[in-house]
Amino acid sequence: MIKKYETRITEIGEEVELFADEQMMVIFNNTVPEELRSFAVIHEKAELLEGVEAGDVLEINGERFEILYVGNKVNDTLRDLGHCTISFTGEASANLPGTMCVEKTPLPELALGAEICILKA
């Protein structure tokens, strides 16, 4: 599989669990605004090599998730800020322009230094 995006987790905000309870994860690169830092999974700045599409695969800490839906703002915010919201509910909705929806599954185990990749299907 070809890597479209590859980075490593550098910080896990103290309020990440609040979003995890809703089966969601918010990611930002290390330029995250201070007011958003507490609920974000922060990673190294990385280049988005190719746009993310439904059918691609998200990999976090070795766990793979099929991407079902990519909101129309995801590629822009991922490219500019390393940011998107990831929903692990298995539900795709056009009402979520900044959200990437993956198959319904428990959230992955997070750890400092863990890799986040997006792979071309």
N, C-alpha and C. Protein backbone atom coordinates (compact mmCIF):
# COMPACT_ATOMS: atom_id res chain seq x y z
N MET A 1 0.84 -1.20 0.00
CA MET A 1 0.00 0.00 0.00
C MET A 1 0.88 1.25 0.00
N ILE A 2 0.45 2.26 -0.70
CA ILE A 2 1.18 3.52 -0.80
C ILE A 2 0.76 4.44 0.33
N LYS A 3 1.73 5.06 1.02
CA LYS A 3 1.43 5.98 2.11
C LYS A 3 1.10 7.36 1.56
N LYS A 4 -0.07 7.86 1.94
CA LYS A 4 -0.49 9.20 1.57
C LYS A 4 -0.10 10.21 2.65
N TYR A 5 -0.02 9.72 3.89
CA TYR A 5 0.25 10.59 5.04
C TYR A 5 0.91 9.73 6.10
N GLU A 6 1.95 10.25 6.74
CA GLU A 6 2.65 9.49 7.76
C GLU A 6 3.23 10.45 8.80
N THR A 7 2.93 10.18 10.07
CA THR A 7 3.40 11.03 11.16
C THR A 7 3.44 10.23 12.46
N ARG A 8 3.93 10.86 13.52
CA ARG A 8 4.00 10.20 14.83
C ARG A 8 3.38 11.09 15.91
N ILE A 9 2.71 10.45 16.86
CA ILE A 9 2.07 11.16 17.97
C ILE A 9 3.15 11.70 18.91
N THR A 10 3.03 13.00 19.24
CA THR A 10 3.99 13.64 20.14
C THR A 10 3.37 14.04 21.48
N GLU A 11 2.04 14.13 21.51
CA GLU A 11 1.35 14.56 22.73
C GLU A 11 -0.10 14.09 22.68
N ILE A 12 -0.63 13.75 23.84
CA ILE A 12 -2.03 13.34 23.94
C ILE A 12 -2.68 14.25 24.97
N GLY A 13 -3.61 15.08 24.51
CA GLY A 13 -4.26 16.05 25.40
C GLY A 13 -5.00 15.36 26.54
N GLU A 14 -5.05 16.05 27.68
CA GLU A 14 -5.66 15.45 28.87
C GLU A 14 -7.16 15.23 28.75
N GLU A 15 -7.81 15.87 27.77
CA GLU A 15 -9.26 15.69 27.60
C GLU A 15 -9.63 14.83 26.39
N VAL A 16 -8.67 14.12 25.82
CA VAL A 16 -8.93 13.26 24.66
C VAL A 16 -10.01 12.23 24.97
N GLU A 17 -10.06 11.76 26.20
CA GLU A 17 -11.05 10.74 26.60
C GLU A 17 -12.49 11.23 26.45
N LEU A 18 -12.72 12.54 26.56
CA LEU A 18 -14.08 13.07 26.40
C LEU A 18 -14.60 12.78 24.99
N PHE A 19 -13.73 12.93 23.99
CA PHE A 19 -14.12 12.63 22.62
C PHE A 19 -14.16 11.13 22.39
N ALA A 20 -13.27 10.40 23.04
CA ALA A 20 -13.24 8.94 22.92
C ALA A 20 -14.57 8.34 23.37
N ASP A 21 -15.17 8.94 24.40
CA ASP A 21 -16.47 8.46 24.88
C ASP A 21 -17.55 8.57 23.79
N GLU A 22 -17.35 9.49 22.85
CA GLU A 22 -18.27 9.69 21.72
C GLU A 22 -17.78 8.98 20.47
N GLN A 23 -16.77 8.12 20.62
CA GLN A 23 -16.15 7.38 19.52
C GLN A 23 -15.55 8.31 18.47
N MET A 24 -14.89 9.37 18.96
CA MET A 24 -14.27 10.34 18.08
C MET A 24 -12.86 10.67 18.57
N MET A 25 -12.02 11.08 17.63
CA MET A 25 -10.67 11.51 17.94
C MET A 25 -10.37 12.74 17.09
N VAL A 26 -9.76 13.74 17.71
CA VAL A 26 -9.38 14.95 17.00
C VAL A 26 -7.85 14.96 16.90
N ILE A 27 -7.34 15.12 15.68
CA ILE A 27 -5.89 15.19 15.51
C ILE A 27 -5.49 16.56 14.97
N PHE A 28 -4.31 17.02 15.39
CA PHE A 28 -3.70 18.26 14.92
C PHE A 28 -2.20 18.05 14.87
N ASN A 29 -1.52 18.78 13.99
CA ASN A 29 -0.07 18.75 14.07
C ASN A 29 0.37 19.70 15.18
N ASN A 30 1.67 19.82 15.37
CA ASN A 30 2.18 20.58 16.52
C ASN A 30 1.99 22.08 16.42
N THR A 31 1.28 22.58 15.41
CA THR A 31 0.93 24.00 15.34
C THR A 31 -0.47 24.25 15.93
N VAL A 32 -1.02 23.25 16.61
CA VAL A 32 -2.36 23.34 17.19
C VAL A 32 -2.50 24.59 18.06
N PRO A 33 -3.60 25.34 17.92
CA PRO A 33 -3.83 26.48 18.81
C PRO A 33 -3.92 26.00 20.28
N GLU A 34 -3.38 26.79 21.17
CA GLU A 34 -3.31 26.41 22.58
C GLU A 34 -4.67 26.04 23.17
N GLU A 35 -5.73 26.74 22.75
CA GLU A 35 -7.06 26.48 23.31
C GLU A 35 -7.65 25.14 22.86
N LEU A 36 -7.06 24.51 21.85
CA LEU A 36 -7.55 23.21 21.37
C LEU A 36 -6.65 22.05 21.78
N ARG A 37 -5.52 22.36 22.37
CA ARG A 37 -4.50 21.36 22.70
C ARG A 37 -4.99 20.27 23.66
N SER A 38 -5.83 20.62 24.62
CA SER A 38 -6.21 19.67 25.67
C SER A 38 -7.03 18.49 25.15
N PHE A 39 -7.78 18.66 24.06
CA PHE A 39 -8.60 17.55 23.59
C PHE A 39 -8.09 16.94 22.28
N ALA A 40 -6.85 17.29 21.90
CA ALA A 40 -6.31 16.81 20.63
C ALA A 40 -5.22 15.75 20.82
N VAL A 41 -5.13 14.88 19.81
CA VAL A 41 -3.99 13.99 19.66
C VAL A 41 -3.04 14.75 18.73
N ILE A 42 -1.90 15.14 19.25
CA ILE A 42 -0.98 16.02 18.54
C ILE A 42 0.14 15.19 17.92
N HIS A 43 0.47 15.53 16.69
CA HIS A 43 1.49 14.77 15.97
C HIS A 43 2.47 15.71 15.27
N GLU A 44 3.56 15.13 14.79
CA GLU A 44 4.55 15.89 14.04
C GLU A 44 3.93 16.44 12.76
N LYS A 45 4.43 17.58 12.32
CA LYS A 45 3.98 18.15 11.07
C LYS A 45 4.39 17.21 9.94
N ALA A 46 3.48 16.93 8.99
CA ALA A 46 3.75 16.00 7.90
C ALA A 46 3.08 16.50 6.63
N GLU A 47 3.57 16.03 5.50
CA GLU A 47 3.01 16.43 4.22
C GLU A 47 1.95 15.42 3.77
N LEU A 48 0.82 15.94 3.34
CA LEU A 48 -0.22 15.11 2.74
C LEU A 48 0.17 14.92 1.28
N LEU A 49 0.58 13.71 0.91
CA LEU A 49 1.13 13.44 -0.42
C LEU A 49 0.06 13.28 -1.49
N GLU A 50 -1.13 12.89 -1.07
CA GLU A 50 -2.24 12.67 -2.00
C GLU A 50 -3.54 12.76 -1.20
N GLY A 51 -4.60 13.27 -1.80
CA GLY A 51 -5.87 13.42 -1.12
C GLY A 51 -6.43 12.11 -0.58
N VAL A 52 -7.04 12.19 0.59
CA VAL A 52 -7.65 11.03 1.23
C VAL A 52 -9.02 10.79 0.59
N GLU A 53 -9.35 9.51 0.36
CA GLU A 53 -10.62 9.15 -0.27
C GLU A 53 -11.25 7.98 0.48
N ALA A 54 -12.56 7.87 0.36
CA ALA A 54 -13.24 6.69 0.90
C ALA A 54 -12.62 5.45 0.26
N GLY A 55 -12.43 4.42 1.07
CA GLY A 55 -11.78 3.21 0.60
C GLY A 55 -10.32 3.12 1.01
N ASP A 56 -9.72 4.28 1.34
CA ASP A 56 -8.35 4.27 1.86
C ASP A 56 -8.35 3.65 3.25
N VAL A 57 -7.17 3.50 3.82
CA VAL A 57 -7.04 2.87 5.13
C VAL A 57 -6.31 3.82 6.09
N LEU A 58 -6.88 4.00 7.26
CA LEU A 58 -6.25 4.75 8.35
C LEU A 58 -5.57 3.73 9.25
N GLU A 59 -4.32 4.00 9.59
CA GLU A 59 -3.60 3.11 10.50
C GLU A 59 -3.08 3.95 11.67
N ILE A 60 -3.43 3.53 12.89
CA ILE A 60 -2.96 4.20 14.10
C ILE A 60 -2.38 3.15 15.01
N ASN A 61 -1.12 3.31 15.35
CA ASN A 61 -0.44 2.39 16.26
C ASN A 61 -0.59 0.93 15.81
N GLY A 62 -0.49 0.72 14.49
CA GLY A 62 -0.55 -0.64 13.96
C GLY A 62 -1.94 -1.19 13.71
N GLU A 63 -2.98 -0.48 14.14
CA GLU A 63 -4.35 -0.93 13.92
C GLU A 63 -4.89 -0.26 12.66
N ARG A 64 -5.55 -1.04 11.79
CA ARG A 64 -6.06 -0.52 10.52
C ARG A 64 -7.57 -0.38 10.53
N PHE A 65 -8.03 0.72 9.90
CA PHE A 65 -9.45 1.04 9.83
C PHE A 65 -9.79 1.49 8.42
N GLU A 66 -10.82 0.90 7.83
CA GLU A 66 -11.23 1.32 6.50
C GLU A 66 -11.92 2.69 6.58
N ILE A 67 -11.53 3.59 5.71
CA ILE A 67 -12.14 4.92 5.65
C ILE A 67 -13.40 4.83 4.80
N LEU A 68 -14.54 5.19 5.40
CA LEU A 68 -15.84 5.09 4.73
C LEU A 68 -16.29 6.41 4.12
N TYR A 69 -15.85 7.51 4.70
CA TYR A 69 -16.33 8.83 4.27
C TYR A 69 -15.27 9.87 4.60
N VAL A 70 -15.08 10.82 3.68
CA VAL A 70 -14.14 11.92 3.89
C VAL A 70 -14.89 13.22 3.64
N GLY A 71 -15.08 14.01 4.70
CA GLY A 71 -15.77 15.29 4.55
C GLY A 71 -15.03 16.20 3.59
N ASN A 72 -15.76 17.15 2.98
CA ASN A 72 -15.16 17.98 1.93
C ASN A 72 -14.11 18.97 2.41
N LYS A 73 -13.88 19.09 3.70
CA LYS A 73 -12.83 19.97 4.24
C LYS A 73 -11.63 19.18 4.79
N VAL A 74 -11.75 17.87 4.88
CA VAL A 74 -10.70 17.05 5.51
C VAL A 74 -9.35 17.22 4.84
N ASN A 75 -9.29 17.11 3.53
CA ASN A 75 -8.00 17.20 2.86
C ASN A 75 -7.35 18.57 3.04
N ASP A 76 -8.16 19.64 3.03
CA ASP A 76 -7.62 20.99 3.25
C ASP A 76 -7.05 21.14 4.66
N THR A 77 -7.81 20.74 5.66
CA THR A 77 -7.35 20.93 7.04
C THR A 77 -6.22 19.97 7.39
N LEU A 78 -6.23 18.78 6.82
CA LEU A 78 -5.13 17.84 7.05
C LEU A 78 -3.85 18.39 6.43
N ARG A 79 -3.94 18.94 5.24
CA ARG A 79 -2.79 19.51 4.54
C ARG A 79 -2.24 20.73 5.30
N ASP A 80 -3.13 21.61 5.75
CA ASP A 80 -2.69 22.88 6.34
C ASP A 80 -2.34 22.78 7.83
N LEU A 81 -3.09 21.98 8.58
CA LEU A 81 -2.96 21.95 10.05
C LEU A 81 -2.73 20.55 10.62
N GLY A 82 -2.68 19.55 9.74
CA GLY A 82 -2.60 18.17 10.24
C GLY A 82 -3.85 17.83 11.04
N HIS A 83 -4.96 18.47 10.70
CA HIS A 83 -6.18 18.37 11.52
C HIS A 83 -7.32 17.67 10.80
N CYS A 84 -8.01 16.83 11.53
CA CYS A 84 -9.34 16.36 11.17
C CYS A 84 -9.92 15.67 12.40
N THR A 85 -11.20 15.46 12.36
CA THR A 85 -11.88 14.68 13.38
C THR A 85 -12.11 13.31 12.78
N ILE A 86 -11.80 12.28 13.54
CA ILE A 86 -11.99 10.91 13.06
C ILE A 86 -13.13 10.29 13.86
N SER A 87 -14.15 9.83 13.15
CA SER A 87 -15.30 9.18 13.78
C SER A 87 -15.18 7.68 13.59
N PHE A 88 -15.27 6.95 14.70
CA PHE A 88 -15.18 5.49 14.69
C PHE A 88 -16.57 4.85 14.84
N THR A 89 -17.61 5.54 14.36
CA THR A 89 -18.99 5.06 14.51
C THR A 89 -19.48 4.24 13.33
N GLY A 90 -18.75 4.29 12.21
CA GLY A 90 -19.19 3.58 11.02
C GLY A 90 -20.28 4.31 10.26
N GLU A 91 -20.61 5.52 10.69
CA GLU A 91 -21.67 6.29 10.04
C GLU A 91 -21.06 7.43 9.23
N ALA A 92 -21.44 7.54 7.99
CA ALA A 92 -20.98 8.61 7.11
C ALA A 92 -22.06 9.67 7.01
N SER A 93 -21.66 10.94 7.11
CA SER A 93 -22.64 12.01 7.03
C SER A 93 -22.06 13.22 6.33
N ALA A 94 -22.76 13.74 5.35
CA ALA A 94 -22.33 14.93 4.63
C ALA A 94 -22.40 16.17 5.51
N ASN A 95 -22.99 16.06 6.69
CA ASN A 95 -23.08 17.20 7.61
C ASN A 95 -21.80 17.40 8.40
N LEU A 96 -20.78 16.60 8.13
CA LEU A 96 -19.53 16.67 8.87
C LEU A 96 -18.37 16.97 7.93
N PRO A 97 -18.23 18.23 7.46
CA PRO A 97 -17.23 18.54 6.44
C PRO A 97 -15.78 18.31 6.89
N GLY A 98 -15.50 18.40 8.18
CA GLY A 98 -14.14 18.22 8.68
C GLY A 98 -13.89 16.85 9.28
N THR A 99 -14.78 15.90 9.01
CA THR A 99 -14.69 14.58 9.64
C THR A 99 -14.39 13.48 8.64
N MET A 100 -13.53 12.58 9.07
CA MET A 100 -13.24 11.34 8.36
C MET A 100 -13.91 10.23 9.15
N CYS A 101 -14.79 9.49 8.50
CA CYS A 101 -15.50 8.40 9.17
C CYS A 101 -14.87 7.07 8.79
N VAL A 102 -14.62 6.25 9.80
CA VAL A 102 -14.07 4.92 9.56
C VAL A 102 -15.06 3.88 10.07
N GLU A 103 -14.75 2.62 9.76
CA GLU A 103 -15.62 1.53 10.17
C GLU A 103 -15.87 1.56 11.68
N LYS A 104 -17.00 1.04 12.10
CA LYS A 104 -17.35 1.02 13.52
C LYS A 104 -16.45 0.02 14.24
N THR A 105 -15.69 0.57 15.18
CA THR A 105 -14.72 -0.23 15.91
C THR A 105 -14.26 0.55 17.13
N PRO A 106 -13.75 -0.11 18.15
CA PRO A 106 -13.19 0.62 19.28
C PRO A 106 -12.02 1.49 18.82
N LEU A 107 -11.82 2.60 19.49
CA LEU A 107 -10.69 3.46 19.17
C LEU A 107 -9.39 2.74 19.44
N PRO A 108 -8.36 3.08 18.67
CA PRO A 108 -7.06 2.42 18.88
C PRO A 108 -6.40 2.87 20.18
N GLU A 109 -5.49 2.07 20.65
CA GLU A 109 -4.66 2.41 21.81
C GLU A 109 -3.72 3.53 21.38
N LEU A 110 -3.68 4.62 22.14
CA LEU A 110 -2.81 5.74 21.81
C LEU A 110 -1.55 5.69 22.66
N ALA A 111 -0.44 6.08 22.06
CA ALA A 111 0.83 6.10 22.77
C ALA A 111 1.74 7.13 22.12
N LEU A 112 2.55 7.78 22.93
CA LEU A 112 3.53 8.72 22.39
C LEU A 112 4.46 7.94 21.46
N GLY A 113 4.75 8.52 20.31
CA GLY A 113 5.60 7.88 19.32
C GLY A 113 4.88 6.94 18.39
N ALA A 114 3.60 6.65 18.65
CA ALA A 114 2.82 5.78 17.76
C ALA A 114 2.64 6.46 16.40
N GLU A 115 2.59 5.66 15.38
CA GLU A 115 2.48 6.18 14.02
C GLU A 115 1.02 6.33 13.60
N ILE A 116 0.74 7.40 12.87
CA ILE A 116 -0.54 7.61 12.21
C ILE A 116 -0.25 7.65 10.73
N CYS A 117 -0.89 6.77 9.96
CA CYS A 117 -0.69 6.70 8.50
C CYS A 117 -2.04 6.66 7.81
N ILE A 118 -2.06 7.19 6.62
CA ILE A 118 -3.19 7.00 5.72
C ILE A 118 -2.62 6.32 4.49
N LEU A 119 -3.20 5.19 4.14
CA LEU A 119 -2.69 4.35 3.05
C LEU A 119 -3.68 4.31 1.91
N LYS A 120 -3.17 4.38 0.70
CA LYS A 120 -4.02 4.28 -0.49
C LYS A 120 -4.54 2.85 -0.60
N ALA A 121 -5.83 2.74 -0.88
CA ALA A 121 -6.45 1.42 -0.97
C ALA A 121 -5.87 0.60 -2.11
